[in-house]
Amino acid sequence: MTADDLSNLGLECSEDWVPFPVAGTLDLGYWAKHQAQGLVERYERDGEKGNARLLARDLKRAATDSRGREPLGAFGWYISGHQMVAAVLELDAIHPDATFPEVTLPLITEHMTARDFGDPDVREVRLPLGDAVRIRQNLIEEKKGIFGPRPVIHTLFYAVRPSSTDAAITLLASWTEPVLDEPLEGIVDAIAGTLHL
């Protein structure tokens, strides 16, 4: 494997996570309609109702938003009965460059922590893929309009340094509903443990 070969990078997550098309020329409107129909069917199996039109609109918006950041992969967590994405999970990599010829976990931690709400919860952990850092923090999002509060974004970030590549693999989950903090932390911790190359 070359220093930057991440073609086999993957993770495992439940069917509640819809993979977003983050590259290529796929028509997002067509994709969103197809995915929305699949979600409606899943919701029905779970005894809940889904609105295909609202789901398609939200899927297209969320996928477009992720695509703009150009991650290696992105997923939306759709809870049965809800017409909007509950959380977004993005998989990416940080490569060495002229400014930072070596990507280290302390360097990533320094650049990825914010103190919008005090000190973040930073932990050094070990994943099957290698040594990692786990950062749980809340951030203040930019205002979307002139009026109203600035939304709080809840995030859980992982960066892992596999021995087989010079890059750091990153996983970022973000959501806005505080009630999801506890369940999502457990779910994302489990997904981080499935990262593989």
Protein backbone atom coordinates (compact mmCIF):
# COMPACT_ATOMS: atom_id res chain seq x y z
CA MET A 1 0.00 0.00 0.00
CA THR A 2 1.31 3.45 -0.85
CA ALA A 3 1.47 6.15 1.80
CA ASP A 4 -1.81 7.64 0.61
CA ASP A 5 -3.73 4.56 -0.60
CA LEU A 6 -7.03 4.70 1.28
CA SER A 7 -9.09 2.90 -1.37
CA ASN A 8 -9.95 0.07 1.04
CA LEU A 9 -10.99 2.36 3.89
CA GLY A 10 -14.31 1.35 5.34
CA LEU A 11 -16.58 1.14 8.35
CA GLU A 12 -19.66 -0.75 9.46
CA CYS A 13 -22.94 0.84 10.53
CA SER A 14 -26.62 -0.10 10.71
CA GLU A 15 -29.19 0.48 7.97
CA ASP A 16 -30.35 3.55 9.89
CA TRP A 17 -27.34 5.32 8.34
CA VAL A 18 -27.97 6.27 4.71
CA PRO A 19 -24.75 6.58 2.66
CA PHE A 20 -24.58 9.91 0.83
CA PRO A 21 -23.06 10.11 -2.69
CA VAL A 22 -20.13 12.46 -2.06
CA ALA A 23 -18.36 12.13 -5.42
CA GLY A 24 -19.28 11.68 -9.05
CA THR A 25 -22.01 13.15 -11.23
CA LEU A 26 -25.04 11.34 -9.80
CA ASP A 27 -28.27 13.38 -9.98
CA LEU A 28 -28.91 14.10 -6.28
CA GLY A 29 -32.60 14.78 -6.86
CA TYR A 30 -33.12 11.36 -8.44
CA TRP A 31 -30.98 9.67 -5.76
CA ALA A 32 -32.89 11.42 -2.94
CA LYS A 33 -36.29 10.31 -4.31
CA HIS A 34 -35.11 6.69 -4.50
CA GLN A 35 -33.60 6.80 -0.98
CA ALA A 36 -36.71 8.48 0.45
CA GLN A 37 -38.89 5.64 -0.85
CA GLY A 38 -36.57 3.13 0.83
CA LEU A 39 -36.81 5.08 4.10
CA VAL A 40 -40.62 5.17 3.92
CA GLU A 41 -40.63 1.38 3.51
CA ARG A 42 -38.24 0.93 6.44
CA TYR A 43 -40.32 3.26 8.62
CA GLU A 44 -43.44 1.21 7.76
CA ARG A 45 -41.67 -2.00 8.83
CA ASP A 46 -40.88 -0.24 12.12
CA GLY A 47 -44.54 0.80 12.55
CA GLU A 48 -43.86 4.48 11.77
CA LYS A 49 -44.90 6.83 8.96
CA GLY A 50 -42.59 8.54 6.54
CA ASN A 51 -43.27 11.40 4.14
CA ALA A 52 -41.40 10.63 0.91
CA ARG A 53 -41.51 14.25 -0.29
CA LEU A 54 -40.10 15.69 2.94
CA LEU A 55 -37.51 12.94 3.23
CA ALA A 56 -36.35 13.42 -0.38
CA ARG A 57 -35.95 17.17 0.18
CA ASP A 58 -33.94 16.60 3.38
CA LEU A 59 -31.80 13.83 1.84
CA LYS A 60 -30.88 16.08 -1.09
CA ARG A 61 -30.06 19.01 1.24
CA ALA A 62 -27.96 16.90 3.63
CA ALA A 63 -26.09 15.11 0.83
CA THR A 64 -25.38 18.43 -0.95
CA ASP A 65 -24.06 19.89 2.31
CA SER A 66 -21.71 16.93 2.90
CA ARG A 67 -20.61 16.88 -0.73
CA GLY A 68 -19.49 20.50 -0.38
CA ARG A 69 -16.87 19.42 2.20
CA GLU A 70 -15.62 16.62 -0.10
CA PRO A 71 -15.22 13.90 2.55
CA LEU A 72 -14.19 10.35 1.63
CA GLY A 73 -17.59 9.15 2.80
CA ALA A 74 -20.71 10.53 4.49
CA PHE A 75 -23.82 9.08 6.09
CA GLY A 76 -27.08 10.46 7.45
CA TRP A 77 -28.80 8.91 10.48
CA TYR A 78 -32.54 8.67 9.84
CA ILE A 79 -34.62 7.62 12.85
CA SER A 80 -37.90 5.89 11.96
CA GLY A 81 -40.79 8.34 11.94
CA HIS A 82 -38.60 11.43 11.57
CA GLN A 83 -38.57 13.38 8.32
CA MET A 84 -35.16 15.02 8.80
CA VAL A 85 -31.66 13.68 9.30
CA ALA A 86 -30.87 13.30 13.01
CA ALA A 87 -27.08 13.21 12.63
CA VAL A 88 -24.42 13.27 9.93
CA LEU A 89 -21.28 11.13 9.98
CA GLU A 90 -18.33 12.02 7.74
CA LEU A 91 -15.24 9.91 7.08
CA ASP A 92 -12.11 11.67 5.86
CA ALA A 93 -8.32 11.77 6.02
CA ILE A 94 -5.69 14.33 6.92
CA HIS A 95 -2.56 13.97 4.78
CA PRO A 96 0.92 15.31 5.50
CA ASP A 97 1.80 18.48 3.58
CA ALA A 98 4.57 21.07 3.36
CA THR A 99 3.37 22.84 6.50
CA PHE A 100 2.90 19.64 8.53
CA PRO A 101 5.15 16.91 7.10
CA GLU A 102 3.99 14.55 9.85
CA VAL A 103 0.38 14.24 10.95
CA THR A 104 0.33 13.53 14.70
CA LEU A 105 -2.53 13.04 17.13
CA PRO A 106 -1.41 15.96 19.36
CA LEU A 107 -1.34 18.25 16.31
CA ILE A 108 -4.82 17.13 15.25
CA THR A 109 -6.12 17.55 18.80
CA GLU A 110 -4.78 21.10 18.93
CA HIS A 111 -6.43 22.04 15.64
CA MET A 112 -9.74 20.25 16.20
CA THR A 113 -10.61 21.45 19.70
CA ALA A 114 -12.73 24.50 20.40
CA ARG A 115 -13.72 26.07 23.67
CA ASP A 116 -17.13 27.48 22.74
CA PHE A 117 -18.57 25.80 25.87
CA GLY A 118 -15.49 25.26 28.04
CA ASP A 119 -12.93 22.50 27.69
CA PRO A 120 -13.85 19.64 25.35
CA ASP A 121 -13.75 16.01 26.50
CA VAL A 122 -10.49 14.76 24.92
CA ARG A 123 -9.41 11.14 25.34
CA GLU A 124 -6.55 9.10 23.93
CA VAL A 125 -7.96 5.74 22.89
CA ARG A 126 -6.88 2.63 21.02
CA LEU A 127 -8.90 1.46 18.03
CA PRO A 128 -8.28 -1.73 16.00
CA LEU A 129 -6.82 0.57 13.30
CA GLY A 130 -4.29 2.20 15.68
CA ASP A 131 -3.77 4.89 18.31
CA ALA A 132 -6.53 7.48 18.24
CA VAL A 133 -7.90 10.61 19.85
CA ARG A 134 -11.59 11.05 20.70
CA ILE A 135 -12.96 14.60 21.08
CA ARG A 136 -16.51 15.28 22.29
CA GLN A 137 -17.50 18.94 22.18
CA ASN A 138 -20.28 21.36 21.37
CA LEU A 139 -19.72 24.19 18.90
CA ILE A 140 -21.62 27.36 18.03
CA GLU A 141 -22.64 27.32 14.39
CA GLU A 142 -22.55 30.41 12.20
CA LYS A 143 -25.84 32.32 12.11
CA LYS A 144 -27.98 31.44 9.10
CA GLY A 145 -29.99 34.68 9.21
CA ILE A 146 -30.02 38.10 10.83
CA PHE A 147 -32.49 37.11 13.54
CA GLY A 148 -32.61 34.17 15.91
CA PRO A 149 -30.03 32.32 17.98
CA ARG A 150 -26.91 30.67 16.66
CA PRO A 151 -27.50 26.89 16.69
CA VAL A 152 -25.40 24.63 18.90
CA ILE A 153 -23.76 21.74 17.06
CA HIS A 154 -22.96 18.64 19.11
CA THR A 155 -19.94 16.74 17.75
CA LEU A 156 -17.96 13.57 18.36
CA PHE A 157 -14.66 13.44 16.47
CA TYR A 158 -12.16 10.60 16.10
CA ALA A 159 -8.73 10.70 14.49
CA VAL A 160 -6.72 7.49 14.19
CA ARG A 161 -3.16 6.98 12.92
CA PRO A 162 -2.88 3.61 11.18
CA SER A 163 0.68 2.29 10.88
CA SER A 164 0.12 1.44 7.21
CA THR A 165 -0.33 5.05 5.98
CA ASP A 166 1.09 8.53 6.58
CA ALA A 167 -2.43 9.95 6.82
CA ALA A 168 -4.73 10.21 9.82
CA ILE A 169 -8.23 8.82 9.33
CA THR A 170 -10.97 11.02 10.78
CA LEU A 171 -14.59 10.37 11.70
CA LEU A 172 -16.87 13.28 12.60
CA ALA A 173 -20.46 12.93 13.80
CA SER A 174 -22.58 16.05 14.28
CA TRP A 175 -26.14 16.65 15.46
CA THR A 176 -28.26 19.42 16.99
CA GLU A 177 -30.66 17.69 19.40
CA PRO A 178 -29.19 17.38 22.94
CA VAL A 179 -31.43 14.39 23.69
CA LEU A 180 -29.36 12.39 21.17
CA ASP A 181 -26.04 12.96 23.01
CA GLU A 182 -25.98 9.72 24.97
CA PRO A 183 -27.28 7.29 22.33
CA LEU A 184 -25.17 8.81 19.55
CA GLU A 185 -21.96 8.70 21.57
CA GLY A 186 -22.45 4.96 22.05
CA ILE A 187 -23.34 4.40 18.39
CA VAL A 188 -20.41 6.46 17.04
CA ASP A 189 -17.97 4.83 19.50
CA ALA A 190 -19.06 1.45 18.13
CA ILE A 191 -18.72 2.61 14.49
CA ALA A 192 -15.23 4.00 15.19
CA GLY A 193 -14.24 0.53 16.37
CA THR A 194 -15.12 -0.89 12.93
CA LEU A 195 -12.85 1.42 10.90
CA HIS A 196 -10.60 -0.67 8.70
CA LEU A 197 -8.15 -0.40 5.82
